[in-house]
Amino acid sequence: MGARVNDRRGESAAHARLKRLAVLWAQAHDYSACAFEVPLPRCRYRADVAAYRPSSKGIGSTAVFECKQALVDLRRDNCRTTATRERLEKVQRRRQILERHLRIHYPNLRIADSLFSEFDSHDFAAIKHRGYGRVLRELTALQNRLFDCTKFETLTRYRCANLFFLVLPGELFQASEVPVGWGVLVQSNGELVLTRKPVWQESAPENRISFLQRIAAAGTRALNRQLEITFEDVLSARCRS
């Protein structure tokens, strides 16, 4: 199965193995409904593996498994919004100070593009100031992280599932790199070991039902690929019925 996932989605064999182990672990712990690449409710992200565990007492529980094979991949989704915003504010202040001094020392950078001189633009890039360039690059990186690298934090904030697990190779596990509230499953001798328990997140019943429906839809898509059923085949069958 790992090889087929790898071929179809262009992911590495190591990542596919972690996903397979996550599905095995989930089913061994009574999550009877599982699927790969499931779009999550209330956000724009997909889960590597999503799972649902039924309950005899009512609506069951939901879990998300995120598989990370490299530290850079782990850190990309683990931006902490508060700390990043604080750093962004400091860098913004540094930029304002630099620009104020550059206006004084390089008056020729002013571009007369406004009716009032105090609102004129300045071409700071023209002097290729190294310190200013570093500030701009860090600003861009921080803004990109806030926009694109907060997956872990977003999933817990929006309570997309009841439980969240990181699935990691043994050499990648570092307690400081684990997002708040997430559990950790570490690969060891061909299986996953629960190294840190996740914190339970309350989720509304309707969200859990929506989660289960998304697992079913993702499973149907996978079955259609396996059986080579296309959207056109479905439309044709619908027209004949």
Foldseek 3Di string as FASTA:
>chain_A
DLVVVCVPVVDDSVQSLLLVQVVVVCVVVQQVFKFAFFQFPPDRGTARMKTWHCDPVDGTFIEGEHEDEDPVVLQQQADDQVVLVVVLVVLVVVLVVVVVVCCVVCVVQWDPPDPDRVPTDGDPCVVVDPVNVVSVVSNVVSVCSNVGHHNVVVCQVVVRTFAYEYEYEPVNDDPVSDHPQHWYWYDDPSHTDTPGGGHTHDDDSVSSVVSSVSSVVNVVVVVCVVVVPDPVNVVVVVVVD
